[in-house]
């Protein structure tokens, strides 16, 4: 099973890279597949690569589902 998670772009870097916020964790990822991504956008991230841009409502709904799943495993 593959898992891609929403993250918010907090900084664009040179070389098609960006820093994203994953629930307080900051990670540098590739945005080569989504050159339209801008600071403040939510992107879907899989293995260090942004695969697409999400609207904020969709990103928040997905994050809420992940949180609900995590609570169910506690």
C-alpha atoms as a PDB file:
ATOM      1  CA  UNK A   1       0.000   0.000   0.000  1.00  0.00           C
ATOM      2  CA  UNK A   2       1.252   3.468  -0.846  1.00  0.00           C
ATOM      3  CA  UNK A   3       0.535   6.468   1.314  1.00  0.00           C
ATOM      4  CA  UNK A   4       0.590  10.076   0.176  1.00  0.00           C
ATOM      5  CA  UNK A   5      -0.098  12.827   2.696  1.00  0.00           C
ATOM      6  CA  UNK A   6      -1.058  16.491   2.448  1.00  0.00           C
ATOM      7  CA  UNK A   7       1.552  19.062   3.430  1.00  0.00           C
ATOM      8  CA  UNK A   8       1.673  22.861   3.303  1.00  0.00           C
ATOM      9  CA  UNK A   9       4.439  24.530   1.280  1.00  0.00           C
ATOM     10  CA  UNK A  10       6.310  26.959   3.534  1.00  0.00           C
ATOM     11  CA  UNK A  11       9.296  27.819   1.338  1.00  0.00           C
ATOM     12  CA  UNK A  12      10.300  27.406  -2.299  1.00  0.00           C
ATOM     13  CA  UNK A  13      13.954  26.564  -2.889  1.00  0.00           C
ATOM     14  CA  UNK A  14      16.187  26.479  -5.957  1.00  0.00           C
ATOM     15  CA  UNK A  15      16.324  23.349  -8.060  1.00  0.00           C
ATOM     16  CA  UNK A  16      12.592  22.465  -7.990  1.00  0.00           C
ATOM     17  CA  UNK A  17      12.694  21.906  -4.228  1.00  0.00           C
ATOM     18  CA  UNK A  18      10.438  23.162  -1.459  1.00  0.00           C
ATOM     19  CA  UNK A  19      10.153  22.953   2.299  1.00  0.00           C
ATOM     20  CA  UNK A  20       6.803  21.638   3.497  1.00  0.00           C
ATOM     21  CA  UNK A  21       5.173  21.455   6.905  1.00  0.00           C
ATOM     22  CA  UNK A  22       3.849  18.003   7.775  1.00  0.00           C
ATOM     23  CA  UNK A  23       2.009  18.611  11.040  1.00  0.00           C
ATOM     24  CA  UNK A  24       4.919  20.515  12.585  1.00  0.00           C
ATOM     25  CA  UNK A  25       7.657  18.500  10.905  1.00  0.00           C
ATOM     26  CA  UNK A  26       9.507  20.351   8.152  1.00  0.00           C
ATOM     27  CA  UNK A  27      10.876  18.397   5.211  1.00  0.00           C
ATOM     28  CA  UNK A  28      12.518  19.302   1.917  1.00  0.00           C
ATOM     29  CA  UNK A  29      10.769  17.705  -1.051  1.00  0.00           C
ATOM     30  CA  UNK A  30      10.801  17.862  -4.832  1.00  0.00           C
ATOM     31  CA  UNK A  31       8.146  19.981  -6.534  1.00  0.00           C
ATOM     32  CA  UNK A  32       9.328  19.113 -10.061  1.00  0.00           C
ATOM     33  CA  UNK A  33       5.974  17.474 -10.849  1.00  0.00           C
ATOM     34  CA  UNK A  34       3.963  20.486  -9.617  1.00  0.00           C
ATOM     35  CA  UNK A  35       5.782  23.621 -10.791  1.00  0.00           C
ATOM     36  CA  UNK A  36       2.615  25.617 -10.086  1.00  0.00           C
ATOM     37  CA  UNK A  37       2.950  25.056  -6.312  1.00  0.00           C
ATOM     38  CA  UNK A  38       3.359  28.270  -4.319  1.00  0.00           C
ATOM     39  CA  UNK A  39       4.042  29.096  -0.663  1.00  0.00           C
ATOM     40  CA  UNK A  40       0.847  28.474   1.288  1.00  0.00           C
ATOM     41  CA  UNK A  41      -0.434  25.786  -1.101  1.00  0.00           C
ATOM     42  CA  UNK A  42      -1.181  22.289   0.089  1.00  0.00           C
ATOM     43  CA  UNK A  43       0.420  19.507  -1.909  1.00  0.00           C
ATOM     44  CA  UNK A  44       0.038  15.749  -1.733  1.00  0.00           C
ATOM     45  CA  UNK A  45       3.444  14.197  -0.928  1.00  0.00           C
ATOM     46  CA  UNK A  46       4.662  10.668  -1.587  1.00  0.00           C
ATOM     47  CA  UNK A  47       8.255   9.536  -0.994  1.00  0.00           C
ATOM     48  CA  UNK A  48       9.649  13.054  -1.047  1.00  0.00           C
ATOM     49  CA  UNK A  49       7.817  14.260  -4.155  1.00  0.00           C
ATOM     50  CA  UNK A  50       4.798  16.521  -4.450  1.00  0.00           C
ATOM     51  CA  UNK A  51       2.332  14.809  -6.780  1.00  0.00           C
ATOM     52  CA  UNK A  52      -0.370  17.461  -6.982  1.00  0.00           C
ATOM     53  CA  UNK A  53      -1.822  20.595  -5.419  1.00  0.00           C
ATOM     54  CA  UNK A  54      -4.854  20.281  -3.124  1.00  0.00           C
ATOM     55  CA  UNK A  55      -7.272  22.934  -1.976  1.00  0.00           C
ATOM     56  CA  UNK A  56      -7.122  23.624   1.764  1.00  0.00           C
ATOM     57  CA  UNK A  57     -10.502  22.033   2.529  1.00  0.00           C
ATOM     58  CA  UNK A  58      -9.494  18.773   0.860  1.00  0.00           C
ATOM     59  CA  UNK A  59      -6.130  18.766   2.658  1.00  0.00           C
ATOM     60  CA  UNK A  60      -7.772  19.384   6.051  1.00  0.00           C
ATOM     61  CA  UNK A  61     -10.394  16.672   5.458  1.00  0.00           C
ATOM     62  CA  UNK A  62      -7.677  14.148   4.582  1.00  0.00           C
ATOM     63  CA  UNK A  63      -5.593  15.089   7.629  1.00  0.00           C
ATOM     64  CA  UNK A  64      -8.685  14.720   9.834  1.00  0.00           C
ATOM     65  CA  UNK A  65      -9.236  11.208   8.469  1.00  0.00           C
ATOM     66  CA  UNK A  66      -5.620  10.280   9.244  1.00  0.00           C
ATOM     67  CA  UNK A  67      -6.026  11.621  12.799  1.00  0.00           C
ATOM     68  CA  UNK A  68      -9.247   9.642  13.236  1.00  0.00           C
ATOM     69  CA  UNK A  69      -7.532   6.461  12.040  1.00  0.00           C
ATOM     70  CA  UNK A  70      -4.670   7.056  14.461  1.00  0.00           C
ATOM     71  CA  UNK A  71      -7.070   7.532  17.402  1.00  0.00           C
ATOM     72  CA  UNK A  72      -8.760   4.250  16.478  1.00  0.00           C
ATOM     73  CA  UNK A  73      -5.461   2.412  16.818  1.00  0.00           C
ATOM     74  CA  UNK A  74      -4.678   3.730  20.306  1.00  0.00           C
END
